[in-house]
Amino acid sequence: MGGSHALVVGFGATGQAVAAALKKRGHQVTATDDRESPELIAAAEGLDLELITAPSEAQLSDSVRAADIVAPGPGIPEWHPVFAVCDDLRRPVTCEFDLAAAWDDRPILAVTGTDGKTTVTTLVSEMLAASGVTTMAAGNTEVPLVTAIDDPLPDLFVVEASSFRLGHCSDFRPTVGTWLNFAADHLDVHRSIASYERAKARLWQNQEGDDVAVANADDPVVMRHARGLDRLVTFGRSAEFRIRGDSLLTSEGDVLARIDQLWSRLPHDVYNVLAASATALNGGASLCGVRDAIGEFNGLPHRVQFVGEWNGVRWFDDSKATAPHASRAALAGFDSVVLIAGGRNKGLDLGAMSEGVGNVRAVVGIGESAAEVLAAFEGVESTVADSMEEAVGAAAEMARSGDVVLLSPGCASFDWYRSYAERGGAFAAAVRRLHDGGTP
């Protein structure tokens, strides 16, 4: 693959990492991006490559025609013209994962799913580390896989595999591939729910021999794709890695932990522990290492993260919930909730946020989709806020002793903020300011 001409489409963080990796291996690289910015130009100059910003259709077609490798970055929507051009010219596309697999043969444990990927990826990494296995988390994290493989120390890689990355893969083959769950999401990138599902299913398409598929036995979409796989390990309420009474068990019946020992007893986090344990144990971790990592883990920021309690009201930051099903999962863990939700809808039905939910006592709508959020909870006390400060103040007025105030937006953050983390930080800061900056 060395010495050919590569076209990188989308020059964000991952696109820049892919371009750097290609150049390091002797490829001539051209990059395109639909945006024009001094930062992108500076990055291209730093890598000594040609960058075409806001390319015309003719420029894009010429660039594809001149390339032997076309590598779209994650997040390039499926209707982007580059894919039509590649189809017309019969030019295959590749992905970061395929490139990394061509350059490095160390084992990969890959985790996909609509929710829980980062938590499970982190837990698996910590379980392996506690077992004495040198590893690195990569993929849909701060470290792209094409960058991670430059480090000679890891014995294996734990890869967070988003649909954005999987969707264009053809050769990616994880030693252990774990699919956590499936729900409607990312219609801002995929043409349809069916297309999103197909992207996820690529996780297992090349597995063979001793490769292991780990699947959520309680998710019908996941199990539809798991049927017929050679080495299938399941997790769930009554699966191989399962819940019995107040304990989590391995497929051999060994106790992993008691539920009351976990950092969170929310149902989705209990499943995350089962999934991570199944993945790590099939990837080389020891039972002792898995148990130690579970005991030490304290959760990740902005995922139903406790902010504080004042006047009998508990406040939680779940800013990472950027789709309705994620908010619904968080709501399931509480008895009486004042919900703060809204933001930039990703093309999803926000009505799904309230399906089967009867514990929301009041709602504060925020951002571009505030009206849709209020419509989803029709009949519930509600109001609209024009800032996070105003939303927190309104929620405090509505809340009663015993309630939970939960920021679980069900939407992306990009109407008001640059990231879900910035949104969650703004929420926590506003809560603390409301209570005079004191500690709970």
Protein backbone atom coordinates (compact mmCIF):
# COMPACT_ATOMS: atom_id res chain seq x y z
CA MET A 1 0.00 0.00 0.00
CA GLY A 2 3.05 2.26 0.28
CA GLY A 3 3.89 4.92 -2.26
CA SER A 4 0.41 5.49 -3.67
CA HIS A 5 -1.71 8.64 -3.77
CA ALA A 6 -4.26 9.00 -0.95
CA LEU A 7 -7.20 11.37 -0.62
CA VAL A 8 -8.37 12.17 2.90
CA VAL A 9 -11.89 13.62 2.92
CA GLY A 10 -12.61 15.64 6.05
CA PHE A 11 -9.61 17.22 7.74
CA GLY A 12 -10.71 17.18 11.37
CA ALA A 13 -8.69 15.54 14.15
CA THR A 14 -9.03 12.01 12.78
CA GLY A 15 -8.51 13.13 9.18
CA GLN A 16 -5.30 14.83 10.20
CA ALA A 17 -4.15 11.70 12.06
CA VAL A 18 -4.91 9.54 9.02
CA ALA A 19 -3.06 11.96 6.73
CA ALA A 20 -0.03 11.95 9.02
CA ALA A 21 -0.04 8.15 9.19
CA LEU A 22 -0.27 7.84 5.40
CA LYS A 23 2.57 10.30 4.83
CA LYS A 24 4.71 8.50 7.40
CA ARG A 25 4.31 5.34 5.32
CA GLY A 26 5.35 6.95 2.06
CA HIS A 27 2.05 8.00 0.52
CA GLN A 28 1.42 11.23 -1.32
CA VAL A 29 -1.58 12.80 0.42
CA THR A 30 -4.19 15.34 -0.60
CA ALA A 31 -6.93 16.40 1.80
CA THR A 32 -10.28 18.11 1.30
CA ASP A 33 -12.62 19.73 3.76
CA ASP A 34 -15.92 21.52 3.21
CA ARG A 35 -14.88 24.17 5.72
CA GLU A 36 -12.41 27.00 5.31
CA SER A 37 -10.44 27.96 8.40
CA PRO A 38 -6.95 29.18 9.30
CA GLU A 39 -6.58 26.22 11.69
CA LEU A 40 -7.08 23.67 8.91
CA ILE A 41 -4.69 25.51 6.61
CA ALA A 42 -2.06 25.60 9.34
CA ALA A 43 -2.51 21.87 9.99
CA ALA A 44 -2.05 21.10 6.29
CA GLU A 45 1.08 23.25 6.15
CA GLY A 46 2.42 21.43 9.21
CA LEU A 47 1.95 18.10 7.43
CA ASP A 48 3.26 19.48 4.13
CA LEU A 49 0.26 18.37 2.09
CA GLU A 50 -2.22 19.95 -0.29
CA LEU A 51 -5.54 20.93 1.28
CA ILE A 52 -8.54 21.81 -0.90
CA THR A 53 -11.15 23.68 1.11
CA ALA A 54 -14.79 23.85 0.01
CA PRO A 55 -14.01 21.90 -3.18
CA SER A 56 -16.24 22.23 -6.20
CA GLU A 57 -17.81 19.10 -7.68
CA ALA A 58 -15.16 19.13 -10.42
CA GLN A 59 -12.31 19.50 -7.92
CA LEU A 60 -13.67 16.67 -5.81
CA SER A 61 -14.06 14.42 -8.85
CA ASP A 62 -10.52 15.19 -10.03
CA SER A 63 -9.14 14.49 -6.56
CA VAL A 64 -10.89 11.11 -6.35
CA ARG A 65 -9.77 10.23 -9.88
CA ALA A 66 -6.14 10.93 -8.94
CA ALA A 67 -6.26 8.85 -5.76
CA ASP A 68 -5.52 5.16 -5.19
CA ILE A 69 -6.90 5.38 -1.63
CA VAL A 70 -9.96 7.43 -0.59
CA ALA A 71 -10.33 7.74 3.18
CA PRO A 72 -13.40 9.65 4.39
CA GLY A 73 -13.18 10.86 7.97
CA PRO A 74 -15.72 9.83 10.62
CA GLY A 75 -18.78 12.03 10.58
CA ILE A 76 -18.79 12.59 6.81
CA PRO A 77 -22.53 12.10 6.09
CA GLU A 78 -23.54 9.29 3.78
CA TRP A 79 -25.04 11.76 1.30
CA HIS A 80 -21.75 13.65 0.89
CA PRO A 81 -20.94 13.89 -2.85
CA VAL A 82 -17.62 12.07 -2.43
CA PHE A 83 -19.46 8.74 -2.17
CA ALA A 84 -21.36 9.26 -5.40
CA VAL A 85 -18.11 10.22 -7.12
CA CYS A 86 -16.40 7.08 -5.78
CA ASP A 87 -19.31 4.96 -7.00
CA ASP A 88 -19.19 6.51 -10.45
CA LEU A 89 -15.43 5.99 -10.73
CA ARG A 90 -15.57 2.55 -9.06
CA ARG A 91 -13.10 3.80 -6.49
CA PRO A 92 -13.37 1.94 -3.14
CA VAL A 93 -13.29 3.86 0.12
CA THR A 94 -11.37 2.79 3.20
CA CYS A 95 -11.46 3.68 6.88
CA GLU A 96 -9.02 4.40 9.65
CA PHE A 97 -9.53 0.90 11.09
CA ASP A 98 -8.72 -0.81 7.80
CA LEU A 99 -5.54 1.22 7.41
CA ALA A 100 -4.44 0.41 10.97
CA ALA A 101 -5.11 -3.31 10.40
CA ALA A 102 -2.94 -3.22 7.27
CA TRP A 103 -0.06 -1.70 9.24
CA ASP A 104 -0.28 -3.53 12.58
CA ASP A 105 -1.29 -7.07 13.53
CA ARG A 106 -1.71 -6.76 17.30
CA PRO A 107 -5.08 -7.95 18.68
CA ILE A 108 -8.01 -5.55 18.85
CA LEU A 109 -10.95 -5.67 21.25
CA ALA A 110 -13.64 -3.49 19.67
CA VAL A 111 -16.75 -2.09 21.34
CA THR A 112 -19.74 -0.66 19.51
CA GLY A 113 -23.31 0.21 20.50
CA THR A 114 -25.62 3.17 20.56
CA ASP A 115 -24.92 3.81 24.25
CA GLY A 116 -22.16 2.92 26.67
CA LYS A 117 -19.20 2.61 24.30
CA THR A 118 -16.84 4.92 26.16
CA THR A 119 -17.71 3.51 29.57
CA VAL A 120 -17.20 -0.08 28.43
CA THR A 121 -14.02 0.75 26.48
CA THR A 122 -12.58 2.42 29.57
CA LEU A 123 -13.61 -0.43 31.86
CA VAL A 124 -12.13 -3.07 29.56
CA SER A 125 -8.85 -1.15 29.39
CA GLU A 126 -8.70 -0.91 33.17
CA MET A 127 -9.58 -4.60 33.59
CA LEU A 128 -6.74 -5.59 31.28
CA ALA A 129 -4.31 -3.22 32.97
CA ALA A 130 -5.23 -4.67 36.37
CA SER A 131 -4.50 -8.10 34.87
CA GLY A 132 -1.00 -7.06 33.79
CA VAL A 133 -1.82 -6.63 30.11
CA THR A 134 -0.37 -3.51 28.48
CA THR A 135 -3.11 -1.89 26.44
CA MET A 136 -4.28 1.40 24.96
CA ALA A 137 -7.79 2.72 24.32
CA ALA A 138 -8.21 4.14 20.81
CA GLY A 139 -10.67 4.78 18.01
CA ASN A 140 -13.53 7.12 18.83
CA THR A 141 -11.46 8.55 21.69
CA GLU A 142 -8.76 11.19 21.95
CA VAL A 143 -6.37 8.78 20.20
CA PRO A 144 -7.26 7.50 16.70
CA LEU A 145 -6.22 3.90 16.07
CA VAL A 146 -3.81 4.94 13.29
CA THR A 147 -1.96 7.02 15.90
CA ALA A 148 -2.14 4.41 18.67
CA ILE A 149 -0.33 1.77 16.61
CA ASP A 150 2.80 3.93 16.55
CA ASP A 151 3.34 2.98 20.21
CA PRO A 152 5.21 -0.34 20.38
CA LEU A 153 4.35 -1.02 24.03
CA PRO A 154 0.68 -2.12 24.01
CA ASP A 155 0.02 -5.84 23.75
CA LEU A 156 -3.40 -5.03 22.30
CA PHE A 157 -5.80 -2.17 21.65
CA VAL A 158 -9.29 -1.57 23.01
CA VAL A 159 -11.14 0.28 20.29
CA GLU A 160 -14.28 2.34 20.64
CA ALA A 161 -15.91 1.63 17.29
CA SER A 162 -18.55 4.19 16.33
CA SER A 163 -20.83 3.65 13.36
CA PHE A 164 -19.05 6.62 11.73
CA ARG A 165 -15.85 4.57 11.61
CA LEU A 166 -17.34 1.12 11.01
CA GLY A 167 -19.57 2.28 8.17
CA HIS A 168 -16.76 2.48 5.61
CA CYS A 169 -14.71 -0.50 6.80
CA SER A 170 -14.21 -3.57 4.65
CA ASP A 171 -11.35 -5.51 6.29
CA PHE A 172 -11.59 -4.62 9.99
CA ARG A 173 -11.50 -7.82 12.09
CA PRO A 174 -11.46 -7.51 15.89
CA THR A 175 -10.28 -10.45 18.00
CA VAL A 176 -13.20 -9.66 20.31
CA GLY A 177 -16.10 -7.60 18.99
CA THR A 178 -18.71 -6.40 21.47
CA TRP A 179 -22.08 -4.94 20.45
CA LEU A 180 -23.79 -3.33 23.45
CA ASN A 181 -27.21 -2.25 22.18
CA PHE A 182 -29.05 -0.61 19.31
CA ALA A 183 -31.50 2.30 19.12
CA ALA A 184 -32.29 5.08 16.67
CA ASP A 185 -29.48 7.63 16.49
CA HIS A 186 -27.15 9.59 14.19
CA LEU A 187 -29.59 10.33 11.40
CA ASP A 188 -27.50 13.45 10.93
CA VAL A 189 -24.85 11.16 9.38
CA HIS A 190 -26.66 7.99 8.23
CA ARG A 191 -29.36 7.99 5.57
CA SER A 192 -31.70 5.79 7.59
CA ILE A 193 -31.98 3.62 10.68
CA ALA A 194 -31.34 0.62 8.43
CA SER A 195 -28.09 2.17 7.20
CA TYR A 196 -27.03 2.91 10.79
CA GLU A 197 -27.75 -0.71 11.71
CA ARG A 198 -25.71 -2.02 8.77
CA ALA A 199 -22.76 0.12 9.86
CA LYS A 200 -22.88 -1.35 13.37
CA ALA A 201 -23.14 -4.90 12.00
CA ARG A 202 -19.81 -4.50 10.18
CA LEU A 203 -18.19 -5.15 13.58
CA TRP A 204 -18.59 -8.90 13.10
CA GLN A 205 -18.54 -9.32 9.32
CA ASN A 206 -14.92 -10.50 9.05
CA GLN A 207 -14.62 -12.53 12.25
CA GLU A 208 -13.47 -16.13 11.90
CA GLY A 209 -11.65 -18.89 13.72
CA ASP A 210 -11.10 -18.06 17.38
CA ASP A 211 -12.51 -14.53 17.15
CA VAL A 212 -15.20 -13.87 19.75
CA ALA A 213 -18.46 -11.94 19.36
CA VAL A 214 -19.94 -10.53 22.57
CA ALA A 215 -23.63 -9.66 22.28
CA ASN A 216 -26.44 -8.21 24.38
CA ALA A 217 -28.86 -11.12 24.69
CA ASP A 218 -31.72 -8.77 25.57
CA ASP A 219 -31.44 -6.60 22.45
CA PRO A 220 -33.35 -8.11 19.49
CA VAL A 221 -31.47 -6.13 16.84
CA VAL A 222 -28.08 -7.17 18.20
CA MET A 223 -29.14 -10.82 18.49
CA ARG A 224 -30.53 -10.88 14.95
CA HIS A 225 -27.03 -10.19 13.69
CA ALA A 226 -25.39 -12.51 16.24
CA ARG A 227 -27.23 -15.65 15.16
CA GLY A 228 -24.95 -18.11 13.42
CA LEU A 229 -21.68 -16.62 14.64
CA ASP A 230 -19.10 -19.27 15.50
CA ARG A 231 -17.96 -18.05 18.91
CA LEU A 232 -20.74 -16.08 20.56
CA VAL A 233 -20.71 -14.92 24.19
CA THR A 234 -23.82 -13.21 25.56
CA PHE A 235 -24.51 -10.85 28.43
CA GLY A 236 -27.83 -9.82 29.91
CA ARG A 237 -30.33 -10.60 32.59
CA SER A 238 -30.39 -14.35 31.92
CA ALA A 239 -27.44 -14.73 29.51
CA GLU A 240 -24.00 -16.27 30.00
CA PHE A 241 -22.67 -13.19 31.77
CA ARG A 242 -25.75 -12.51 33.85
CA ILE A 243 -27.50 -11.09 36.88
CA ARG A 244 -28.53 -13.45 39.67
CA GLY A 245 -30.13 -11.87 42.69
CA ASP A 246 -27.88 -9.01 43.72
CA SER A 247 -24.77 -10.36 41.98
CA LEU A 248 -23.18 -10.26 38.55
CA LEU A 249 -21.85 -13.63 37.35
CA THR A 250 -19.48 -14.85 34.65
CA SER A 251 -20.40 -17.61 32.21
CA GLU A 252 -18.70 -20.01 34.62
CA GLY A 253 -20.80 -18.84 37.55
CA ASP A 254 -18.04 -16.85 39.26
CA VAL A 255 -19.15 -13.68 41.04
CA LEU A 256 -17.85 -10.51 39.42
CA ALA A 257 -19.36 -8.06 41.92
CA ARG A 258 -22.48 -7.31 43.90
CA ILE A 259 -24.70 -4.66 42.37
CA ASP A 260 -24.52 -2.56 45.54
CA GLN A 261 -20.72 -2.40 45.11
CA LEU A 262 -20.93 -0.70 41.71
CA TRP A 263 -20.45 3.04 41.20
CA SER A 264 -23.94 3.10 39.67
CA ARG A 265 -26.92 0.80 40.03
CA LEU A 266 -28.71 2.14 36.96
CA PRO A 267 -29.72 -0.77 34.72
CA HIS A 268 -27.63 0.33 31.75
CA ASP A 269 -24.51 0.61 33.90
CA VAL A 270 -25.06 -2.87 35.32
CA TYR A 271 -25.19 -4.14 31.73
CA ASN A 272 -22.05 -2.14 30.94
CA VAL A 273 -20.19 -4.03 33.68
CA LEU A 274 -21.37 -7.38 32.33
CA ALA A 275 -20.36 -6.42 28.78
CA ALA A 276 -16.95 -5.13 29.84
CA SER A 277 -16.27 -8.26 31.90
CA ALA A 278 -17.21 -10.57 29.02
CA THR A 279 -15.00 -8.58 26.65
CA ALA A 280 -12.00 -8.37 28.95
CA LEU A 281 -12.07 -12.02 30.05
CA ASN A 282 -12.25 -13.16 26.44
CA GLY A 283 -9.45 -10.75 25.57
CA GLY A 284 -6.90 -11.99 28.11
CA ALA A 285 -7.85 -10.40 31.45
CA SER A 286 -7.86 -12.39 34.68
CA LEU A 287 -10.90 -12.73 36.92
CA CYS A 288 -8.96 -11.03 39.72
CA GLY A 289 -8.06 -8.11 37.47
CA VAL A 290 -11.65 -7.72 36.32
CA ARG A 291 -12.92 -7.68 39.91
CA ASP A 292 -10.28 -5.15 40.98
CA ALA A 293 -11.11 -2.81 38.09
CA ILE A 294 -14.84 -2.96 38.83
CA GLY A 295 -14.17 -2.06 42.45
CA GLU A 296 -11.97 0.91 41.53
CA PHE A 297 -14.12 2.34 38.73
CA ASN A 298 -16.03 5.55 39.55
CA GLY A 299 -17.79 6.24 36.25
CA LEU A 300 -17.08 8.85 33.61
CA PRO A 301 -17.99 12.55 33.53
CA HIS A 302 -21.36 13.71 32.18
CA ARG A 303 -22.95 10.26 32.35
CA VAL A 304 -25.57 10.55 35.11
CA GLN A 305 -22.84 12.19 37.18
CA PHE A 306 -23.85 13.34 40.66
CA VAL A 307 -23.41 17.10 41.05
CA GLY A 308 -24.76 17.59 44.55
CA GLU A 309 -27.76 17.65 46.87
CA TRP A 310 -29.40 20.69 48.37
CA ASN A 311 -32.69 20.98 50.27
CA GLY A 312 -33.49 17.34 49.61
CA VAL A 313 -33.09 17.69 45.80
CA ARG A 314 -30.34 15.75 44.02
CA TRP A 315 -28.81 17.13 40.81
CA PHE A 316 -27.31 14.95 38.06
CA ASP A 317 -25.39 15.79 34.87
CA ASP A 318 -26.18 13.41 31.99
CA SER A 319 -25.08 15.75 29.20
CA LYS A 320 -23.62 12.80 27.26
CA ALA A 321 -27.21 11.66 26.55
CA THR A 322 -27.47 13.08 23.03
CA ALA A 323 -30.36 10.93 21.78
CA PRO A 324 -33.85 10.19 23.20
CA HIS A 325 -33.17 6.55 24.11
CA ALA A 326 -30.16 7.60 26.20
CA SER A 327 -32.30 10.06 28.16
CA ARG A 328 -34.98 7.41 28.61
CA ALA A 329 -32.39 5.00 30.04
CA ALA A 330 -31.23 7.60 32.55
CA LEU A 331 -34.80 8.45 33.57
CA ALA A 332 -35.44 4.79 34.36
CA GLY A 333 -33.09 4.99 37.33
CA PHE A 334 -35.11 7.54 39.34
CA ASP A 335 -38.52 7.83 40.98
CA SER A 336 -39.41 11.52 40.51
CA VAL A 337 -37.58 13.75 38.04
CA VAL A 338 -37.46 17.37 36.93
CA LEU A 339 -35.92 16.97 33.49
CA ILE A 340 -33.83 19.53 31.61
CA ALA A 341 -33.72 18.46 27.96
CA GLY A 342 -33.26 19.79 24.44
CA GLY A 343 -30.55 21.03 22.11
CA ARG A 344 -29.86 20.26 18.46
CA ASN A 345 -31.94 17.31 17.32
CA LYS A 346 -30.03 14.72 15.24
CA GLY A 347 -33.03 13.95 13.06
CA LEU A 348 -34.69 11.75 15.70
CA ASP A 349 -38.20 11.49 17.15
CA LEU A 350 -37.91 13.17 20.54
CA GLY A 351 -41.24 11.63 21.49
CA ALA A 352 -39.27 8.45 22.18
CA MET A 353 -37.84 10.18 25.23
CA SER A 354 -41.11 9.80 27.12
CA GLU A 355 -42.13 6.30 25.97
CA GLY A 356 -42.89 4.15 29.00
CA VAL A 357 -41.73 6.90 31.33
CA GLY A 358 -44.07 7.99 34.12
CA ASN A 359 -41.66 9.49 36.60
CA VAL A 360 -41.13 12.93 34.99
CA ARG A 361 -42.92 15.49 37.13
CA ALA A 362 -41.74 18.60 35.30
CA VAL A 363 -39.72 19.54 32.21
CA VAL A 364 -37.50 22.46 31.24
CA GLY A 365 -36.93 22.67 27.49
CA ILE A 366 -33.67 24.18 26.22
CA GLY A 367 -32.07 24.96 22.87
CA GLU A 368 -33.36 24.58 19.34
CA SER A 369 -35.60 21.61 20.16
CA ALA A 370 -37.20 22.96 23.33
CA ALA A 371 -40.69 22.93 21.80
CA GLU A 372 -40.25 19.30 20.66
CA VAL A 373 -39.22 18.28 24.17
CA LEU A 374 -42.27 19.92 25.71
CA ALA A 375 -44.49 18.22 23.11
CA ALA A 376 -42.98 14.86 24.06
CA PHE A 377 -44.06 15.40 27.66
CA GLU A 378 -47.46 16.93 26.95
CA GLY A 379 -49.51 17.33 30.11
CA VAL A 380 -46.48 17.61 32.38
CA GLU A 381 -45.63 20.93 34.08
CA SER A 382 -43.15 22.61 31.75
CA THR A 383 -41.35 25.76 30.70
CA VAL A 384 -38.73 26.91 28.19
CA ALA A 385 -35.39 28.44 29.20
CA ASP A 386 -33.14 30.61 27.04
CA SER A 387 -29.89 29.79 28.86
CA MET A 388 -28.49 27.10 31.12
CA GLU A 389 -28.57 29.52 34.04
CA GLU A 390 -32.26 30.11 33.42
CA ALA A 391 -32.91 26.38 33.02
CA VAL A 392 -31.28 25.57 36.35
CA GLY A 393 -33.23 28.32 38.07
CA ALA A 394 -36.52 27.11 36.59
CA ALA A 395 -35.78 23.50 37.60
CA ALA A 396 -35.03 24.61 41.16
CA GLU A 397 -38.38 26.40 41.31
CA MET A 398 -40.20 23.26 40.11
CA ALA A 399 -38.32 20.71 42.24
CA ARG A 400 -39.55 19.39 45.57
CA SER A 401 -37.70 17.56 48.31
CA GLY A 402 -37.12 14.00 47.13
CA ASP A 403 -36.91 14.94 43.44
CA VAL A 404 -33.97 14.54 41.12
CA VAL A 405 -33.10 17.34 38.69
CA LEU A 406 -31.58 15.63 35.68
CA LEU A 407 -29.86 17.28 32.73
CA SER A 408 -30.37 14.58 30.08
CA PRO A 409 -30.82 16.52 26.84
CA GLY A 410 -31.62 13.78 24.31
CA CYS A 411 -29.99 16.07 21.72
CA ALA A 412 -26.59 17.24 20.55
CA SER A 413 -25.04 20.29 22.19
CA PHE A 414 -23.97 22.26 19.14
CA ASP A 415 -26.70 24.91 19.25
CA TRP A 416 -25.37 26.43 22.49
CA TYR A 417 -22.05 24.65 23.12
CA ARG A 418 -19.02 23.18 21.38
CA SER A 419 -19.41 19.78 23.04
CA TYR A 420 -21.56 17.80 25.47
CA ALA A 421 -18.73 18.19 28.01
CA GLU A 422 -18.92 21.99 27.80
CA ARG A 423 -22.71 21.77 28.23
CA GLY A 424 -22.38 19.51 31.27
CA GLY A 425 -19.78 21.81 32.80
CA ALA A 426 -22.06 24.80 32.30
CA PHE A 427 -24.89 22.93 34.02
CA ALA A 428 -22.79 21.94 37.04
CA ALA A 429 -21.40 25.46 37.37
CA ALA A 430 -24.90 26.96 37.22
CA VAL A 431 -26.14 24.54 39.87
CA ARG A 432 -23.30 25.47 42.21
CA ARG A 433 -23.79 29.19 41.60
CA LEU A 434 -27.46 28.78 42.41
CA HIS A 435 -26.47 27.36 45.78
CA ASP A 436 -23.96 30.12 46.49
CA GLY A 437 -20.99 28.10 45.23
CA GLY A 438 -21.14 25.91 48.31
CA THR A 439 -20.35 22.22 48.41
CA PRO A 440 -23.31 19.86 48.85
